[in-house]
N, C-alpha and C. Protein backbone atom coordinates (compact mmCIF):
# COMPACT_ATOMS: atom_id res chain seq x y z
N UNK A 1 -55.63 61.62 -14.58
CA UNK A 1 -56.03 60.37 -15.17
C UNK A 1 -56.73 59.54 -14.11
N UNK A 2 -57.88 59.00 -14.42
CA UNK A 2 -58.62 58.14 -13.51
C UNK A 2 -58.35 56.69 -13.88
N UNK A 3 -57.92 55.92 -12.90
CA UNK A 3 -57.57 54.53 -13.15
C UNK A 3 -58.27 53.67 -12.11
N UNK A 4 -58.96 52.61 -12.56
CA UNK A 4 -59.54 51.64 -11.64
C UNK A 4 -58.45 50.68 -11.20
N UNK A 5 -58.25 50.57 -9.91
CA UNK A 5 -57.21 49.69 -9.40
C UNK A 5 -57.84 48.60 -8.53
N UNK A 6 -57.25 47.41 -8.60
CA UNK A 6 -57.68 46.34 -7.71
C UNK A 6 -57.41 46.76 -6.28
N UNK A 7 -58.35 46.47 -5.39
CA UNK A 7 -58.15 46.79 -3.99
C UNK A 7 -56.96 46.01 -3.47
N UNK A 8 -56.10 46.67 -2.75
CA UNK A 8 -54.92 46.03 -2.19
C UNK A 8 -53.71 46.02 -3.11
N UNK A 9 -53.86 46.53 -4.33
CA UNK A 9 -52.73 46.58 -5.26
C UNK A 9 -51.67 47.53 -4.73
N UNK A 10 -50.42 47.06 -4.70
CA UNK A 10 -49.32 47.87 -4.16
C UNK A 10 -48.08 47.71 -5.02
N UNK A 11 -47.18 48.65 -4.87
CA UNK A 11 -45.84 48.56 -5.45
C UNK A 11 -45.01 47.75 -4.46
N UNK A 12 -44.34 46.69 -4.95
CA UNK A 12 -43.58 45.84 -4.02
C UNK A 12 -42.07 45.83 -4.26
N UNK A 13 -41.62 46.21 -5.47
CA UNK A 13 -40.19 46.17 -5.74
C UNK A 13 -39.85 47.00 -6.96
N UNK A 14 -38.64 47.56 -6.97
CA UNK A 14 -38.11 48.17 -8.19
C UNK A 14 -37.84 47.04 -9.17
N UNK A 15 -38.04 47.32 -10.46
CA UNK A 15 -37.85 46.27 -11.47
C UNK A 15 -37.44 46.91 -12.79
N UNK A 16 -36.86 46.09 -13.67
CA UNK A 16 -36.58 46.50 -15.04
C UNK A 16 -37.12 45.42 -15.97
N UNK A 17 -37.58 45.85 -17.14
CA UNK A 17 -38.06 44.92 -18.15
C UNK A 17 -37.11 44.98 -19.33
N UNK A 18 -36.58 43.83 -19.67
CA UNK A 18 -35.65 43.72 -20.80
C UNK A 18 -36.45 43.72 -22.10
N UNK A 19 -35.82 44.07 -23.23
CA UNK A 19 -36.53 44.10 -24.52
C UNK A 19 -37.19 42.77 -24.86
N UNK A 20 -36.63 41.67 -24.38
CA UNK A 20 -37.20 40.34 -24.67
C UNK A 20 -38.40 40.04 -23.79
N UNK A 21 -38.71 40.92 -22.83
CA UNK A 21 -39.85 40.72 -21.95
C UNK A 21 -39.48 40.21 -20.57
N UNK A 22 -38.23 39.80 -20.37
CA UNK A 22 -37.79 39.32 -19.07
C UNK A 22 -37.87 40.46 -18.06
N UNK A 23 -38.46 40.20 -16.89
CA UNK A 23 -38.55 41.20 -15.83
C UNK A 23 -37.61 40.78 -14.71
N UNK A 24 -36.76 41.72 -14.29
CA UNK A 24 -35.79 41.46 -13.24
C UNK A 24 -36.07 42.44 -12.11
N UNK A 25 -36.18 41.92 -10.88
CA UNK A 25 -36.41 42.79 -9.74
C UNK A 25 -35.56 42.32 -8.57
N UNK A 26 -35.38 43.22 -7.62
CA UNK A 26 -34.71 42.90 -6.36
C UNK A 26 -35.62 43.41 -5.25
N UNK A 27 -35.59 42.75 -4.12
CA UNK A 27 -36.45 43.12 -2.99
C UNK A 27 -36.13 44.52 -2.46
N UNK A 28 -37.12 45.14 -1.85
CA UNK A 28 -36.93 46.42 -1.18
C UNK A 28 -35.80 46.29 -0.17
N UNK A 29 -34.99 47.25 0.00
CA UNK A 29 -35.05 48.62 -0.52
C UNK A 29 -34.20 48.83 -1.77
N UNK A 30 -34.02 47.80 -2.58
CA UNK A 30 -33.20 47.94 -3.79
C UNK A 30 -33.74 49.03 -4.69
N UNK A 31 -32.83 49.68 -5.40
CA UNK A 31 -33.17 50.73 -6.35
C UNK A 31 -32.81 50.25 -7.74
N UNK A 32 -33.27 50.98 -8.75
CA UNK A 32 -33.05 50.56 -10.13
C UNK A 32 -31.56 50.39 -10.46
N UNK A 33 -30.72 51.27 -9.92
CA UNK A 33 -29.29 51.15 -10.23
C UNK A 33 -28.70 49.86 -9.66
N UNK A 34 -29.27 49.34 -8.56
CA UNK A 34 -28.79 48.06 -8.04
C UNK A 34 -29.09 46.93 -9.03
N UNK A 35 -30.27 46.97 -9.62
CA UNK A 35 -30.66 45.94 -10.59
C UNK A 35 -29.78 46.04 -11.83
N UNK A 36 -29.63 47.25 -12.35
CA UNK A 36 -28.84 47.46 -13.57
C UNK A 36 -27.38 47.05 -13.33
N UNK A 37 -26.84 47.40 -12.17
CA UNK A 37 -25.47 47.01 -11.83
C UNK A 37 -25.33 45.49 -11.82
N UNK A 38 -26.31 44.81 -11.23
CA UNK A 38 -26.30 43.35 -11.19
C UNK A 38 -26.35 42.77 -12.60
N UNK A 39 -27.19 43.33 -13.45
CA UNK A 39 -27.30 42.85 -14.83
C UNK A 39 -26.00 43.08 -15.60
N UNK A 40 -25.37 44.20 -15.37
CA UNK A 40 -24.13 44.50 -16.08
C UNK A 40 -23.04 43.50 -15.75
N UNK A 41 -23.03 42.97 -14.54
CA UNK A 41 -22.04 41.95 -14.17
C UNK A 41 -22.33 40.62 -14.85
N UNK A 42 -23.54 40.42 -15.36
CA UNK A 42 -23.90 39.18 -16.04
C UNK A 42 -23.60 39.24 -17.53
N UNK A 43 -23.25 40.43 -18.04
CA UNK A 43 -22.97 40.61 -19.47
C UNK A 43 -21.54 40.19 -19.76
N UNK A 44 -21.33 39.34 -20.76
CA UNK A 44 -19.95 38.95 -21.11
C UNK A 44 -19.18 40.13 -21.70
N UNK A 45 -17.87 40.15 -21.48
CA UNK A 45 -17.03 41.22 -21.99
C UNK A 45 -16.12 40.70 -23.09
N UNK A 46 -15.83 41.58 -24.06
CA UNK A 46 -14.90 41.24 -25.14
C UNK A 46 -13.47 41.36 -24.64
N UNK A 47 -12.53 40.94 -25.47
CA UNK A 47 -11.12 41.00 -25.08
C UNK A 47 -10.63 42.45 -24.89
N UNK A 48 -11.31 43.43 -25.51
CA UNK A 48 -10.90 44.83 -25.34
C UNK A 48 -11.50 45.46 -24.07
N UNK A 49 -12.23 44.65 -23.28
CA UNK A 49 -12.79 45.15 -22.03
C UNK A 49 -14.15 45.80 -22.16
N UNK A 50 -14.68 45.90 -23.36
CA UNK A 50 -16.00 46.49 -23.57
C UNK A 50 -17.07 45.40 -23.49
N UNK A 51 -18.30 45.77 -23.06
CA UNK A 51 -19.35 44.76 -22.97
C UNK A 51 -19.70 44.19 -24.35
N UNK A 52 -20.02 42.91 -24.37
CA UNK A 52 -20.41 42.23 -25.60
C UNK A 52 -21.64 42.89 -26.22
N UNK A 53 -22.55 43.34 -25.38
CA UNK A 53 -23.74 44.05 -25.86
C UNK A 53 -24.21 44.97 -24.74
N UNK A 54 -25.00 45.93 -25.09
CA UNK A 54 -25.52 46.88 -24.12
C UNK A 54 -26.75 46.32 -23.43
N UNK A 55 -26.87 46.59 -22.14
CA UNK A 55 -28.06 46.18 -21.39
C UNK A 55 -29.08 47.31 -21.53
N UNK A 56 -30.10 47.08 -22.33
CA UNK A 56 -31.17 48.06 -22.51
C UNK A 56 -32.40 47.57 -21.76
N UNK A 57 -33.04 48.46 -21.05
CA UNK A 57 -34.21 48.04 -20.28
C UNK A 57 -35.14 49.21 -20.04
N UNK A 58 -36.36 48.88 -19.63
CA UNK A 58 -37.34 49.87 -19.21
C UNK A 58 -37.42 49.80 -17.70
N UNK A 59 -37.22 50.92 -17.03
CA UNK A 59 -37.30 50.94 -15.58
C UNK A 59 -38.74 51.08 -15.14
N UNK A 60 -39.10 50.35 -14.10
CA UNK A 60 -40.45 50.40 -13.55
C UNK A 60 -40.49 49.71 -12.21
N UNK A 61 -41.64 49.11 -11.91
CA UNK A 61 -41.83 48.48 -10.61
C UNK A 61 -42.64 47.20 -10.75
N UNK A 62 -42.40 46.28 -9.83
CA UNK A 62 -43.20 45.07 -9.74
C UNK A 62 -44.35 45.36 -8.79
N UNK A 63 -45.56 44.97 -9.20
CA UNK A 63 -46.75 45.19 -8.38
C UNK A 63 -47.10 43.92 -7.61
N UNK A 64 -47.95 44.07 -6.61
CA UNK A 64 -48.32 42.94 -5.76
C UNK A 64 -49.08 41.85 -6.51
N UNK A 65 -49.61 42.15 -7.70
CA UNK A 65 -50.28 41.13 -8.51
C UNK A 65 -49.31 40.45 -9.48
N UNK A 66 -48.02 40.76 -9.38
CA UNK A 66 -47.01 40.14 -10.22
C UNK A 66 -46.75 40.84 -11.53
N UNK A 67 -47.49 41.90 -11.82
CA UNK A 67 -47.32 42.63 -13.09
C UNK A 67 -46.21 43.67 -12.99
N UNK A 68 -45.63 43.97 -14.15
CA UNK A 68 -44.66 45.05 -14.27
C UNK A 68 -45.42 46.33 -14.60
N UNK A 69 -45.04 47.43 -13.96
CA UNK A 69 -45.66 48.73 -14.22
C UNK A 69 -44.58 49.75 -14.54
N UNK A 70 -44.77 50.52 -15.60
CA UNK A 70 -43.85 51.62 -15.89
C UNK A 70 -43.97 52.64 -14.76
N UNK A 71 -43.00 53.54 -14.70
CA UNK A 71 -42.93 54.49 -13.58
C UNK A 71 -44.22 55.31 -13.39
N UNK A 72 -44.83 55.75 -14.48
CA UNK A 72 -46.02 56.61 -14.37
C UNK A 72 -47.20 55.85 -13.76
N UNK A 73 -47.43 54.63 -14.21
CA UNK A 73 -48.54 53.84 -13.66
C UNK A 73 -48.24 53.44 -12.22
N UNK A 74 -46.98 53.10 -11.94
CA UNK A 74 -46.60 52.74 -10.58
C UNK A 74 -46.82 53.90 -9.62
N UNK A 75 -46.64 55.13 -10.10
CA UNK A 75 -46.89 56.31 -9.26
C UNK A 75 -48.36 56.37 -8.85
N UNK A 76 -49.25 56.09 -9.80
CA UNK A 76 -50.69 56.09 -9.51
C UNK A 76 -51.01 55.01 -8.49
N UNK A 77 -50.46 53.82 -8.69
CA UNK A 77 -50.71 52.70 -7.76
C UNK A 77 -50.22 53.06 -6.36
N UNK A 78 -48.99 53.56 -6.26
CA UNK A 78 -48.42 53.90 -4.95
C UNK A 78 -49.22 55.00 -4.26
N UNK A 79 -49.68 55.97 -5.02
CA UNK A 79 -50.47 57.06 -4.46
C UNK A 79 -51.79 56.53 -3.92
N UNK A 80 -52.49 55.73 -4.73
CA UNK A 80 -53.79 55.19 -4.31
C UNK A 80 -53.64 54.23 -3.12
N UNK A 81 -52.50 53.54 -3.03
CA UNK A 81 -52.27 52.59 -1.93
C UNK A 81 -51.72 53.27 -0.68
N UNK A 82 -51.50 54.58 -0.74
CA UNK A 82 -50.98 55.29 0.41
C UNK A 82 -49.52 54.97 0.72
N UNK A 83 -48.76 54.62 -0.30
CA UNK A 83 -47.37 54.22 -0.11
C UNK A 83 -46.35 55.36 -0.22
N UNK A 84 -46.76 56.52 -0.71
CA UNK A 84 -45.80 57.61 -0.90
C UNK A 84 -45.32 58.13 0.44
N UNK A 85 -44.02 58.27 0.57
CA UNK A 85 -43.44 58.79 1.80
C UNK A 85 -43.71 60.29 1.92
N UNK A 86 -43.76 60.79 3.15
CA UNK A 86 -43.87 62.24 3.30
C UNK A 86 -42.68 62.89 2.59
N UNK A 87 -42.93 63.92 1.86
CA UNK A 87 -41.86 64.60 1.13
C UNK A 87 -41.56 63.98 -0.21
N UNK A 88 -42.37 63.01 -0.66
CA UNK A 88 -42.16 62.43 -2.00
C UNK A 88 -42.26 63.54 -3.03
N UNK A 89 -41.41 63.47 -4.03
CA UNK A 89 -41.40 64.49 -5.07
C UNK A 89 -42.74 64.57 -5.80
N UNK A 90 -43.06 65.76 -6.25
CA UNK A 90 -44.31 65.98 -6.99
C UNK A 90 -44.03 65.88 -8.49
N UNK A 91 -44.23 64.72 -9.05
CA UNK A 91 -44.05 64.51 -10.48
C UNK A 91 -44.90 63.32 -10.90
N UNK A 92 -44.89 63.01 -12.17
CA UNK A 92 -45.75 61.94 -12.69
C UNK A 92 -45.16 60.55 -12.58
N UNK A 93 -43.86 60.44 -12.43
CA UNK A 93 -43.20 59.14 -12.38
C UNK A 93 -42.86 58.77 -10.94
N UNK A 94 -42.84 57.48 -10.66
CA UNK A 94 -42.46 56.99 -9.35
C UNK A 94 -40.98 56.66 -9.32
N UNK A 95 -40.33 57.01 -8.25
CA UNK A 95 -38.94 56.66 -7.98
C UNK A 95 -38.92 55.90 -6.67
N UNK A 96 -38.02 54.94 -6.55
CA UNK A 96 -38.00 54.13 -5.34
C UNK A 96 -37.81 55.00 -4.09
N UNK A 97 -37.10 56.10 -4.22
CA UNK A 97 -36.91 57.02 -3.10
C UNK A 97 -38.24 57.58 -2.60
N UNK A 98 -39.28 57.54 -3.42
CA UNK A 98 -40.59 58.06 -3.04
C UNK A 98 -41.37 57.08 -2.16
N UNK A 99 -40.95 55.80 -2.16
CA UNK A 99 -41.72 54.79 -1.42
C UNK A 99 -40.91 54.02 -0.36
N UNK A 100 -39.58 53.98 -0.48
CA UNK A 100 -38.76 53.33 0.55
C UNK A 100 -37.35 53.88 0.54
């Protein structure tokens, strides 16, 4: 896939997008499970100990322009920006382990 990218565009943080559109991120070197764990602590619990509702989200990354990118697009951005670590896995999606 050929994608035109703004010069200087980079992946800056792991992030999740909630169904309502809210984007939650934590600074590097945080991983998606750190964000999800933090969100789970913010969910109220019922008297039976189960969460009041499930935390559903789309995992992705925050870009240097402030936009949220799904894993596949973030992989393209990180590759073009030269951010992939040596030994990064060969697949279509980006994982935080591939960049920090």
